[in-house]
N, C-alpha and C. Protein backbone atom coordinates (compact mmCIF):
# COMPACT_ATOMS: atom_id res chain seq x y z
N MET A 1 1.02 -1.31 0.08
CA MET A 1 -0.01 -0.13 -0.12
C MET A 1 0.31 1.17 -0.03
N THR A 2 0.71 2.64 -0.93
CA THR A 2 1.37 3.48 -0.41
C THR A 2 0.29 3.86 0.51
N ILE A 3 1.72 4.95 0.75
CA ILE A 3 1.68 6.16 2.19
C ILE A 3 1.15 7.68 1.25
N LEU A 4 0.34 8.46 1.17
CA LEU A 4 0.28 9.83 0.64
C LEU A 4 -0.06 10.22 2.08
N LEU A 5 1.64 11.30 2.01
CA LEU A 5 1.84 12.31 2.48
C LEU A 5 2.58 14.06 2.04
N HIS A 6 1.94 15.06 3.27
CA HIS A 6 2.71 16.32 2.77
C HIS A 6 4.29 16.13 3.07
N PRO A 7 5.96 17.17 2.16
CA PRO A 7 6.45 17.04 2.53
C PRO A 7 6.58 18.28 4.19
N THR A 8 7.69 17.96 4.64
CA THR A 8 7.13 19.45 6.01
C THR A 8 8.75 19.56 5.91
N TYR A 9 8.56 21.00 7.57
CA TYR A 9 9.64 20.73 7.74
C TYR A 9 10.64 20.28 9.15
N PHE A 10 11.56 19.25 8.61
CA PHE A 10 11.73 17.82 9.57
C PHE A 10 11.04 17.83 10.05
N PRO A 11 10.76 16.59 10.02
CA PRO A 11 9.27 16.33 10.13
C PRO A 11 8.88 15.75 11.22
N SER A 12 7.59 15.52 11.42
CA SER A 12 7.02 15.30 12.69
C SER A 12 7.95 13.33 13.09
N ILE A 13 7.70 12.76 14.62
CA ILE A 13 8.43 11.66 14.49
C ILE A 13 7.00 10.30 13.35
N SER A 14 5.78 10.84 13.65
CA SER A 14 4.93 10.54 13.31
C SER A 14 5.48 9.96 11.70
N HIS A 15 5.55 11.77 10.90
CA HIS A 15 5.92 11.50 9.44
C HIS A 15 6.93 10.39 9.37
N PHE A 16 7.76 9.44 9.92
CA PHE A 16 9.02 9.07 10.08
C PHE A 16 8.54 7.25 10.41
N VAL A 17 7.11 7.33 11.42
CA VAL A 17 6.58 6.25 11.39
C VAL A 17 6.19 6.03 10.69
N VAL A 18 4.98 6.18 10.04
CA VAL A 18 4.69 5.70 8.55
C VAL A 18 6.19 5.41 7.22
N MET A 19 6.86 6.94 6.99
CA MET A 19 7.54 6.06 6.53
C MET A 19 8.74 5.31 6.34
N ALA A 20 8.35 5.21 7.30
CA ALA A 20 10.00 3.99 7.88
C ALA A 20 9.11 2.69 7.73
N GLN A 21 7.30 2.46 7.39
CA GLN A 21 6.56 1.48 7.32
C GLN A 21 6.22 0.96 6.11
N ALA A 22 6.11 2.34 6.15
CA ALA A 22 5.36 2.49 4.45
C ALA A 22 6.36 1.17 2.95
N GLU A 23 5.83 0.43 2.04
CA GLU A 23 5.99 -0.18 1.06
C GLU A 23 6.50 1.39 0.30
N SER A 24 5.70 1.56 -0.14
CA SER A 24 6.13 3.17 -1.08
C SER A 24 5.49 4.28 -0.29
N ILE A 25 6.39 5.62 -0.41
CA ILE A 25 5.31 7.12 -0.60
C ILE A 25 4.88 8.41 -1.46
N THR A 26 4.05 8.67 -1.46
CA THR A 26 3.89 9.76 -2.45
C THR A 26 3.41 11.00 -1.98
N PHE A 27 4.53 11.64 -2.44
CA PHE A 27 4.37 13.40 -1.71
C PHE A 27 3.22 14.59 -2.02
N GLU A 28 1.96 15.12 -1.59
CA GLU A 28 1.51 15.17 -1.90
C GLU A 28 1.73 16.77 -2.18
N ILE A 29 1.77 17.39 -3.56
CA ILE A 29 2.43 18.88 -4.12
C ILE A 29 1.62 19.41 -5.21
N GLU A 30 0.15 19.31 -4.78
CA GLU A 30 -0.80 19.77 -5.49
C GLU A 30 -1.91 20.59 -4.17
N ASP A 31 -1.45 20.44 -2.98
CA ASP A 31 -2.33 21.40 -2.31
C ASP A 31 -2.17 22.98 -1.99
N ASN A 32 -3.04 23.35 -1.80
CA ASN A 32 -3.10 25.11 -1.58
C ASN A 32 -2.33 25.76 -0.48
N PHE A 33 -2.31 26.31 0.08
CA PHE A 33 -0.72 26.05 1.33
C PHE A 33 -2.26 26.79 2.35
N GLN A 34 -1.51 26.13 3.60
CA GLN A 34 -2.59 26.72 4.87
C GLN A 34 -1.49 27.20 6.08
N LYS A 35 -2.07 28.68 6.49
CA LYS A 35 -1.44 28.67 8.05
C LYS A 35 -0.93 28.31 9.45
N GLN A 36 -0.30 28.06 9.60
CA GLN A 36 0.25 27.61 11.42
C GLN A 36 -0.56 25.72 10.58
N THR A 37 0.33 24.79 10.08
CA THR A 37 0.72 24.43 9.99
C THR A 37 2.79 22.98 9.70
N ASN A 38 3.17 22.67 9.99
CA ASN A 38 4.38 21.69 10.09
C ASN A 38 4.70 21.79 7.92
N ARG A 39 3.97 22.63 7.21
CA ARG A 39 4.78 22.48 6.05
C ARG A 39 5.73 23.62 6.51
N ASN A 40 5.17 24.61 7.13
CA ASN A 40 6.92 25.84 7.98
C ASN A 40 6.88 25.58 8.38
N ARG A 41 6.93 24.35 9.41
CA ARG A 41 7.91 24.55 11.75
C ARG A 41 7.75 23.15 11.62
N THR A 42 8.50 23.29 13.21
CA THR A 42 8.58 22.46 13.54
C THR A 42 8.38 22.69 15.25
N TYR A 43 8.85 21.49 15.88
CA TYR A 43 9.01 21.68 17.42
C TYR A 43 9.70 20.62 17.72
N ILE A 44 10.33 20.87 18.53
CA ILE A 44 11.84 20.72 19.18
C ILE A 44 11.73 20.38 20.64
N TYR A 45 12.59 20.06 21.58
CA TYR A 45 12.61 20.17 22.81
C TYR A 45 13.39 21.36 23.41
N SER A 46 14.21 22.38 24.38
CA SER A 46 14.73 23.06 23.77
C SER A 46 14.70 23.49 25.86
N PRO A 47 16.16 24.07 25.97
CA PRO A 47 15.96 24.13 27.70
C PRO A 47 14.94 24.68 28.50
N ASN A 48 13.38 25.06 27.79
CA ASN A 48 12.47 26.12 28.45
C ASN A 48 11.17 25.12 28.31
N GLY A 49 11.66 23.60 27.61
CA GLY A 49 10.38 22.77 27.25
C GLY A 49 10.73 23.06 25.58
N ILE A 50 8.90 22.65 25.29
CA ILE A 50 8.65 22.14 23.50
C ILE A 50 9.14 24.19 23.03
N GLN A 51 9.88 23.71 21.56
CA GLN A 51 9.43 25.37 21.38
C GLN A 51 8.90 25.26 19.67
N LEU A 52 9.20 25.54 19.04
CA LEU A 52 8.83 26.27 17.70
C LEU A 52 10.05 26.71 16.62
N LEU A 53 9.65 26.47 15.55
CA LEU A 53 10.50 26.01 14.74
C LEU A 53 9.97 26.64 13.57
N ASN A 54 9.86 28.42 13.43
CA ASN A 54 8.58 28.72 12.06
C ASN A 54 9.95 29.21 10.84
N ILE A 55 9.06 28.83 9.92
CA ILE A 55 9.93 30.15 8.56
C ILE A 55 9.58 30.25 7.42
N PRO A 56 9.81 31.48 7.82
CA PRO A 56 8.90 33.26 7.43
C PRO A 56 8.85 32.78 5.76
N VAL A 57 8.07 32.75 5.46
CA VAL A 57 7.36 32.46 3.82
C VAL A 57 6.10 33.97 3.71
N LYS A 58 7.34 33.59 2.31
CA LYS A 58 6.53 35.29 1.99
C LYS A 58 5.72 35.19 1.44
N HIS A 59 4.17 37.12 1.43
CA HIS A 59 2.85 36.77 1.20
C HIS A 59 2.50 37.24 0.83
N SER A 60 1.10 36.61 0.12
CA SER A 60 0.65 36.75 -1.48
C SER A 60 -1.00 37.23 -1.49
N THR A 61 -0.61 38.58 -2.28
CA THR A 61 -2.64 38.71 -1.88
C THR A 61 -3.62 37.55 -2.43
N GLU A 62 -3.11 37.13 -3.29
CA GLU A 62 -4.02 35.62 -3.78
C GLU A 62 -3.99 34.49 -2.16
N SER A 63 -5.45 34.45 -2.55
CA SER A 63 -6.49 34.06 -1.56
C SER A 63 -5.80 31.93 -1.06
N HIS A 64 -5.71 31.73 -1.86
CA HIS A 64 -5.37 30.36 -2.32
C HIS A 64 -4.26 30.28 -2.90
N GLN A 65 -2.90 30.75 -2.64
CA GLN A 65 -1.37 29.87 -3.40
C GLN A 65 -1.46 28.55 -2.49
N LYS A 66 -1.41 27.49 -3.99
CA LYS A 66 -0.12 26.27 -3.62
C LYS A 66 0.47 26.61 -3.03
N THR A 67 0.80 25.14 -2.02
CA THR A 67 2.07 25.26 -1.50
C THR A 67 4.19 25.40 -2.36
N LYS A 68 3.73 24.42 -3.26
CA LYS A 68 4.74 24.10 -4.05
C LYS A 68 5.17 25.99 -5.00
N ASP A 69 3.72 27.09 -5.01
CA ASP A 69 4.59 28.41 -5.16
C ASP A 69 5.44 28.60 -3.68
N ILE A 70 5.29 28.41 -2.57
CA ILE A 70 5.28 29.51 -1.77
C ILE A 70 6.78 30.05 -1.89
N GLN A 71 7.19 30.63 -1.66
CA GLN A 71 8.27 30.90 -1.56
C GLN A 71 9.12 31.69 -0.11
N ILE A 72 10.15 31.42 0.43
CA ILE A 72 10.37 31.79 1.35
C ILE A 72 11.27 33.11 1.88
N GLU A 73 10.54 33.85 2.87
CA GLU A 73 11.79 35.57 3.02
C GLU A 73 12.83 35.41 3.70
N THR A 74 13.16 36.12 2.77
CA THR A 74 14.71 36.45 2.52
C THR A 74 15.57 37.20 4.14
N ASP A 75 14.74 38.00 4.16
CA ASP A 75 14.73 39.14 4.85
C ASP A 75 15.08 38.78 5.71
N PHE A 76 14.75 37.97 6.71
CA PHE A 76 14.55 37.26 8.30
C PHE A 76 16.02 35.78 8.20
N ASP A 77 17.15 36.12 8.64
CA ASP A 77 17.79 34.97 8.96
C ASP A 77 17.40 34.43 10.15
N TRP A 78 16.12 33.53 9.71
CA TRP A 78 16.09 32.55 10.49
C TRP A 78 16.99 30.89 10.73
N GLN A 79 16.64 30.69 9.37
CA GLN A 79 17.71 30.13 10.03
C GLN A 79 19.42 29.47 11.00
N LYS A 80 19.81 30.66 10.78
CA LYS A 80 21.09 31.08 11.66
C LYS A 80 20.17 31.06 13.28
N GLN A 81 18.57 31.79 13.71
CA GLN A 81 18.38 31.47 14.62
C GLN A 81 17.55 29.82 14.79
N HIS A 82 17.10 29.73 13.96
CA HIS A 82 17.16 27.77 14.13
C HIS A 82 18.38 26.57 14.36
N PHE A 83 18.60 27.42 14.36
CA PHE A 83 20.67 26.19 13.78
C PHE A 83 21.56 26.53 15.84
N LYS A 84 20.25 28.01 16.22
CA LYS A 84 21.15 28.10 17.61
C LYS A 84 20.55 27.57 18.24
N SER A 85 18.94 27.51 18.49
CA SER A 85 17.81 27.40 19.01
C SER A 85 18.36 25.03 18.39
N LEU A 86 18.95 25.05 18.18
CA LEU A 86 18.63 23.42 17.70
C LEU A 86 20.45 23.59 19.02
N GLU A 87 21.26 24.21 18.58
CA GLU A 87 22.74 23.68 18.69
C GLU A 87 22.65 23.63 21.06
N ALA A 88 21.58 25.05 21.43
CA ALA A 88 20.87 25.21 22.64
C ALA A 88 20.14 23.51 23.13
N ALA A 89 19.16 23.33 22.48
CA ALA A 89 18.95 22.25 22.73
C ALA A 89 19.43 20.74 23.12
N TYR A 90 20.90 20.88 21.35
CA TYR A 90 20.65 19.02 21.56
C TYR A 90 22.12 18.95 21.67
N ARG A 91 23.01 20.26 21.99
CA ARG A 91 24.35 20.18 22.01
C ARG A 91 24.36 18.36 22.46
N SER A 92 24.24 18.81 24.10
CA SER A 92 24.53 18.05 25.20
C SER A 92 23.66 16.66 24.93
N SER A 93 23.34 16.52 23.85
CA SER A 93 22.76 14.66 23.46
C SER A 93 23.85 13.63 22.91
N PRO A 94 23.09 12.23 23.37
CA PRO A 94 24.54 12.33 23.10
C PRO A 94 25.01 12.09 21.31
N PHE A 95 24.17 12.66 19.89
CA PHE A 95 24.55 11.96 18.65
C PHE A 95 24.41 12.97 18.58
N PHE A 96 24.41 15.11 18.74
CA PHE A 96 24.37 15.53 17.83
C PHE A 96 25.54 16.03 17.20
N GLU A 97 26.09 15.73 17.46
CA GLU A 97 27.91 16.49 17.37
C GLU A 97 28.13 15.87 15.86
N PHE A 98 27.30 14.08 15.75
CA PHE A 98 27.93 13.26 15.15
C PHE A 98 26.99 13.75 13.93
N PHE A 99 25.64 14.29 13.70
CA PHE A 99 24.89 14.47 13.04
C PHE A 99 25.10 16.01 12.41
N GLU A 100 25.69 16.63 13.18
CA GLU A 100 25.85 18.40 12.86
C GLU A 100 26.24 18.35 11.34
N ASP A 101 27.54 18.26 10.98
CA ASP A 101 27.96 18.79 9.88
C ASP A 101 26.98 18.25 8.29
N ASP A 102 26.50 17.11 9.07
CA ASP A 102 25.62 16.71 7.92
C ASP A 102 24.54 17.58 7.96
N LEU A 103 23.56 17.75 8.69
CA LEU A 103 22.59 18.96 9.41
C LEU A 103 22.60 20.36 8.08
N ARG A 104 24.20 21.18 9.08
CA ARG A 104 24.81 21.67 8.54
C ARG A 104 24.20 22.44 6.90
N SER A 105 24.12 21.95 6.21
CA SER A 105 23.62 23.07 5.20
C SER A 105 23.31 23.60 4.60
N ILE A 106 21.78 22.28 5.59
CA ILE A 106 20.13 23.23 5.40
C ILE A 106 20.22 24.52 6.09
N PHE A 107 21.10 25.07 6.11
CA PHE A 107 21.35 25.92 7.22
C PHE A 107 22.35 27.09 7.02
N GLU A 108 22.57 26.88 6.16
CA GLU A 108 23.71 27.78 5.18
C GLU A 108 23.61 28.04 3.86
N LYS A 109 22.71 26.51 3.05
CA LYS A 109 22.35 27.53 1.25
C LYS A 109 20.84 27.95 1.32
N LYS A 110 21.11 28.43 0.75
CA LYS A 110 19.45 29.90 0.08
C LYS A 110 19.26 28.99 -0.07
N TYR A 111 17.43 28.56 -0.04
CA TYR A 111 16.78 28.42 -0.64
C TYR A 111 15.13 29.17 -0.73
N ASN A 112 14.00 29.47 -1.98
CA ASN A 112 13.61 30.09 -2.50
C ASN A 112 12.42 29.25 -1.72
N PHE A 113 12.02 29.08 -2.35
CA PHE A 113 10.65 27.90 -2.10
C PHE A 113 10.94 26.67 -1.68
N LEU A 114 9.91 27.02 -0.24
CA LEU A 114 9.57 25.79 0.64
C LEU A 114 9.38 24.38 0.47
N LEU A 115 9.24 24.37 -0.26
CA LEU A 115 8.34 22.61 -0.64
C LEU A 115 10.77 22.56 -1.41
N ASP A 116 11.41 22.55 -1.70
CA ASP A 116 12.71 22.61 -2.27
C ASP A 116 13.53 22.09 -0.29
N LEU A 117 13.23 22.80 -0.16
CA LEU A 117 13.50 23.67 1.17
C LEU A 117 12.93 21.97 1.98
N ASN A 118 11.61 22.22 2.09
CA ASN A 118 11.31 20.56 3.06
C ASN A 118 11.85 19.26 2.49
N PHE A 119 11.98 19.12 1.04
CA PHE A 119 12.19 17.48 0.67
C PHE A 119 14.27 17.11 0.32
N GLU A 120 14.56 18.56 0.62
CA GLU A 120 16.31 17.33 1.49
C GLU A 120 16.51 18.55 2.44
N THR A 121 14.91 18.53 4.02
CA THR A 121 15.09 18.37 4.80
C THR A 121 15.32 16.91 5.09
N LEU A 122 13.48 16.21 4.27
CA LEU A 122 13.54 14.58 4.05
C LEU A 122 14.79 14.21 3.67
N GLU A 123 15.90 14.23 3.01
CA GLU A 123 16.77 13.68 2.37
C GLU A 123 17.78 13.36 2.52
N ILE A 124 18.24 14.33 3.32
CA ILE A 124 18.97 14.62 4.23
C ILE A 124 18.76 13.95 5.96
N VAL A 125 18.03 14.21 7.05
CA VAL A 125 17.07 13.18 7.69
C VAL A 125 17.57 11.43 7.50
N SER A 126 16.64 11.37 5.72
CA SER A 126 16.91 9.68 5.24
C SER A 126 18.05 9.31 5.75
N LYS A 127 19.03 10.04 4.62
CA LYS A 127 20.66 9.45 5.10
C LYS A 127 20.74 9.31 7.20
N CYS A 128 20.79 10.58 7.42
CA CYS A 128 21.49 9.82 9.14
C CYS A 128 20.51 9.17 9.29
N LEU A 129 18.68 8.27 9.14
CA LEU A 129 18.88 7.07 9.83
C LEU A 129 18.66 5.84 9.80
N ARG A 130 20.01 6.74 8.28
CA ARG A 130 20.10 5.07 7.21
C ARG A 130 19.16 4.77 7.09
N MET A 131 17.71 5.12 6.26
CA MET A 131 15.86 4.56 5.25
C MET A 131 16.44 5.45 3.98
N LYS A 132 16.96 3.74 4.04
CA LYS A 132 16.01 3.73 1.98
C LYS A 132 14.80 5.16 1.58
N LEU A 133 15.30 6.53 1.04
CA LEU A 133 14.17 7.18 0.54
C LEU A 133 12.99 6.98 -0.78
N GLU A 134 13.28 6.51 -1.26
CA GLU A 134 12.06 6.51 -2.76
C GLU A 134 10.82 7.17 -2.67
N TYR A 135 10.22 7.96 -3.68
CA TYR A 135 9.21 8.38 -3.45
C TYR A 135 8.88 8.29 -5.14
N SER A 136 7.04 9.21 -5.35
CA SER A 136 6.88 10.63 -6.05
C SER A 136 5.34 11.01 -5.43
N THR A 137 5.31 12.48 -5.97
CA THR A 137 5.14 12.67 -5.93
C THR A 137 3.36 12.53 -6.66
N THR A 138 2.74 13.70 -6.27
CA THR A 138 0.72 13.78 -7.18
C THR A 138 0.85 15.20 -8.21
N THR A 139 0.37 14.39 -9.89
CA THR A 139 0.04 15.99 -9.99
C THR A 139 -1.28 16.16 -10.83
N GLU A 140 -1.69 15.75 -9.95
CA GLU A 140 -2.94 16.56 -8.90
C GLU A 140 -4.46 16.01 -8.02
N TYR A 141 -4.60 17.30 -7.30
CA TYR A 141 -5.28 17.52 -5.86
C TYR A 141 -6.69 16.93 -5.89
N PHE A 142 -6.50 16.20 -4.58
CA PHE A 142 -7.65 15.49 -4.71
C PHE A 142 -8.00 15.21 -3.12
N HIS A 143 -9.51 15.91 -3.16
CA HIS A 143 -9.61 16.35 -1.44
C HIS A 143 -10.20 14.78 -0.70
N GLU A 144 -10.46 13.37 -1.20
CA GLU A 144 -10.74 12.63 -1.26
C GLU A 144 -9.70 11.21 -1.92
N VAL A 145 -9.06 11.07 -1.98
CA VAL A 145 -7.72 9.89 -2.60
C VAL A 145 -9.08 8.62 -2.99
N ASP A 146 -7.99 7.17 -3.27
CA ASP A 146 -9.00 6.28 -3.30
C ASP A 146 -8.02 4.86 -2.59
N ALA A 147 -9.08 4.58 -1.33
CA ALA A 147 -8.71 4.21 -0.10
C ALA A 147 -7.74 2.70 -0.78
N ASN A 148 -7.97 2.10 -1.92
CA ASN A 148 -7.27 0.27 -2.25
C ASN A 148 -6.06 1.07 -3.15
N GLU A 149 -5.58 2.78 -3.32
CA GLU A 149 -4.62 2.75 -3.65
C GLU A 149 -4.00 3.40 -2.70
N TYR A 150 -4.00 4.20 -1.75
CA TYR A 150 -3.71 5.40 -1.62
C TYR A 150 -3.77 5.38 0.51
N LYS A 151 -3.24 5.14 1.48
CA LYS A 151 -3.39 4.77 2.90
C LYS A 151 -2.91 7.06 2.62
N ASP A 152 -4.31 7.46 3.85
CA ASP A 152 -4.12 8.90 3.76
C ASP A 152 -3.58 9.61 4.93
N PHE A 153 -2.74 9.89 4.90
CA PHE A 153 -1.76 9.68 5.64
C PHE A 153 -1.25 12.05 5.72
N ARG A 154 -2.25 12.60 5.01
CA ARG A 154 -1.94 14.13 4.73
C ARG A 154 -2.22 14.47 6.46
N ALA A 155 -3.49 14.14 7.11
CA ALA A 155 -3.25 14.88 8.27
C ALA A 155 -2.91 15.07 9.23
N LEU A 156 -1.26 14.89 8.27
CA LEU A 156 -0.14 15.00 10.06
C LEU A 156 0.60 16.17 9.83
N VAL A 157 -0.09 16.52 8.85
CA VAL A 157 0.82 17.94 8.45
C VAL A 157 -0.10 19.02 10.11
N ASN A 158 -1.43 18.69 10.28
CA ASN A 158 -1.44 19.61 11.55
C ASN A 158 -1.16 19.55 12.65
N GLY A 159 0.55 19.09 12.28
CA GLY A 159 0.87 19.96 13.62
C GLY A 159 0.30 19.64 14.62
N LYS A 160 0.06 20.43 15.76
CA LYS A 160 -0.74 20.08 16.90
C LYS A 160 -2.33 19.35 16.86
N LYS A 161 -2.85 18.95 16.13
CA LYS A 161 -4.17 18.40 15.50
C LYS A 161 -3.32 16.52 15.34
N ASP A 162 -2.13 16.52 15.69
CA ASP A 162 -1.64 14.48 15.24
C ASP A 162 -1.66 14.64 16.68
N SER A 163 -2.17 13.98 17.46
CA SER A 163 -2.38 13.33 19.21
C SER A 163 -1.76 11.63 18.73
N SER A 164 -1.15 11.37 17.71
CA SER A 164 0.22 10.69 17.67
C SER A 164 0.53 10.40 19.17
N SER A 165 0.61 8.89 19.62
CA SER A 165 1.42 8.74 21.41
C SER A 165 2.77 7.56 20.89
N PHE A 166 3.16 7.56 21.16
CA PHE A 166 4.93 6.52 21.07
C PHE A 166 5.44 6.50 22.20
N GLU A 167 6.09 5.25 21.75
CA GLU A 167 7.45 5.23 23.24
C GLU A 167 7.75 5.74 24.13
N ASN A 168 8.23 5.53 25.24
CA ASN A 168 9.30 6.67 26.04
C ASN A 168 10.39 6.75 24.87
N TYR A 169 11.40 7.88 24.76
CA TYR A 169 12.99 7.43 25.04
C TYR A 169 13.67 8.50 25.15
N THR A 170 14.80 8.05 25.44
CA THR A 170 15.22 9.55 26.83
C THR A 170 15.73 10.64 25.82
N GLN A 171 15.09 11.76 26.65
CA GLN A 171 15.05 13.07 25.70
C GLN A 171 16.23 14.20 27.19
N VAL A 172 17.04 14.82 26.51
CA VAL A 172 18.29 16.00 26.82
C VAL A 172 17.26 16.29 28.31
N PHE A 173 15.87 17.54 29.12
CA PHE A 173 15.80 17.41 29.49
C PHE A 173 14.15 17.08 30.02
N VAL A 174 14.11 15.74 30.03
CA VAL A 174 13.17 14.97 30.59
C VAL A 174 13.09 14.75 31.76
N ASP A 175 14.22 14.92 32.92
CA ASP A 175 13.69 15.53 33.96
C ASP A 175 13.81 16.36 34.62
N LYS A 176 13.01 17.77 33.59
CA LYS A 176 12.85 18.93 34.06
C LYS A 176 11.12 18.70 33.52
N TYR A 177 10.74 18.70 32.97
CA TYR A 177 9.50 18.85 31.62
C TYR A 177 9.09 17.22 31.09
N GLY A 178 9.96 16.05 31.72
CA GLY A 178 8.73 15.07 32.30
C GLY A 178 9.50 14.67 30.13
N PHE A 179 8.28 14.11 29.59
CA PHE A 179 8.71 12.70 28.61
C PHE A 179 7.59 14.09 27.16
N ILE A 180 8.49 14.40 25.79
CA ILE A 180 7.78 15.34 25.14
C ILE A 180 7.10 14.37 24.81
N ASN A 181 5.80 13.20 23.13
CA ASN A 181 5.27 12.94 22.27
C ASN A 181 6.16 14.02 21.08
N ASN A 182 5.96 13.14 20.22
CA ASN A 182 6.05 13.37 18.59
C ASN A 182 6.18 15.09 18.37
N LEU A 183 7.87 14.80 19.02
CA LEU A 183 8.02 16.05 18.21
C LEU A 183 8.24 15.61 16.90
N SER A 184 9.95 16.85 16.50
CA SER A 184 10.85 16.37 15.38
C SER A 184 10.89 15.22 15.19
N VAL A 185 11.34 15.61 14.46
CA VAL A 185 12.98 13.43 13.83
C VAL A 185 13.52 13.67 14.44
N LEU A 186 13.98 15.12 14.38
CA LEU A 186 15.73 15.53 14.81
C LEU A 186 15.26 15.12 16.30
N ASP A 187 14.66 14.81 17.21
CA ASP A 187 14.68 14.74 18.72
C ASP A 187 14.87 13.71 18.44
N LEU A 188 13.52 13.04 18.42
CA LEU A 188 15.13 11.09 17.82
C LEU A 188 16.27 11.02 17.93
N LEU A 189 16.84 11.55 16.30
CA LEU A 189 18.31 11.13 16.21
C LEU A 189 18.22 11.26 16.21
N PHE A 190 18.82 12.89 17.65
CA PHE A 190 20.19 12.69 18.37
C PHE A 190 19.81 12.20 20.10
N ASN A 191 18.94 11.71 20.49
CA ASN A 191 18.63 11.05 21.36
C ASN A 191 19.14 9.92 21.40
N GLU A 192 18.90 9.31 20.11
CA GLU A 192 19.01 7.83 19.70
C GLU A 192 20.41 7.89 18.62
N GLY A 193 19.84 8.39 18.30
CA GLY A 193 20.86 7.69 16.47
C GLY A 193 20.60 6.73 16.11
N LYS A 194 21.95 5.42 16.40
CA LYS A 194 21.99 5.14 14.76
C LYS A 194 20.15 3.66 15.22
N TYR A 195 20.45 4.17 17.07
CA TYR A 195 18.73 3.15 16.91
C TYR A 195 17.46 3.44 16.90
N ALA A 196 17.45 4.71 15.79
CA ALA A 196 17.03 5.60 15.69
C ALA A 196 15.45 5.09 14.67
N LEU A 197 16.23 4.60 13.43
CA LEU A 197 15.35 3.51 12.69
C LEU A 197 14.93 2.26 13.66
N ASP A 198 15.46 1.74 13.91
CA ASP A 198 14.29 0.24 14.52
C ASP A 198 13.06 1.46 15.74
N TYR A 199 13.59 1.79 16.32
CA TYR A 199 12.68 2.49 16.98
C TYR A 199 11.81 2.48 16.10
N LEU A 200 11.64 3.43 14.81
CA LEU A 200 10.97 3.40 13.88
C LEU A 200 9.44 3.00 13.46
N LYS A 201 10.11 1.46 13.35
CA LYS A 201 10.18 0.67 12.09
C LYS A 201 8.59 -0.32 13.56
N LYS A 202 9.58 0.59 14.39
CA LYS A 202 8.28 -1.03 15.48
C LYS A 202 7.16 -0.01 16.11
N GLN A 203 7.08 1.07 16.08
CA GLN A 203 5.83 2.03 16.88
C GLN A 203 5.14 1.56 15.92
N GLU A 204 3.98 1.61 16.99
CA GLU A 204 2.64 1.85 15.45
C GLU A 204 2.09 2.96 16.27
N LEU A 205 1.29 3.55 14.67
CA LEU A 205 0.56 4.74 14.03
C LEU A 205 -0.95 4.57 15.23
N ILE A 206 -0.73 5.89 15.49
CA ILE A 206 -2.43 6.11 16.92
C ILE A 206 -2.55 7.39 16.50
N ILE A 207 -4.04 7.31 15.71
CA ILE A 207 -3.97 8.75 15.96
C ILE A 207 -5.42 8.54 15.93
N LYS A 208 -5.45 9.52 16.36
CA LYS A 208 -6.84 9.35 17.85
C LYS A 208 -8.02 10.20 16.74
């Protein structure tokens, strides 16, 4: 069965759970952009608890703009801020230094389009996980898809509405705030390293 997903910015663990367990993957690229979703944001575990990392995008006068046409706002040095936030959150984690150089290019390269950035984060994280990533993309948008053809996980893009629940693993600030569920896959990667893919493969996806 092929899973259908949105490409998001350093996707949530739930995204990677379905990707790690999928037979084949199709990414939705014909949708209209919606604000306040994981299309341009991700959540990490900072020294102060959960922290949102948001990519500023250029606003258009058009009411409906396709996600693939969304351009990143380059006047604001969001990349420097995001990398500093990741350092503050994960410098003391077991595997941050191991993956730091692989991820650094994301924060040094200039991107015009959000979708290009999101696909690059997917590919780099998959490489870090040693997870083979092969996928196709949609050619038109369907509100409803054929259930015999696709398993539709596009709702996972809705960030805080995604109530997927997974097994606990070690987190840097767990003694301060307890375990925080379903953050960016980076949280799992920096804390579990080479064991992260095994973790993803054995999780049960629970969508309430």
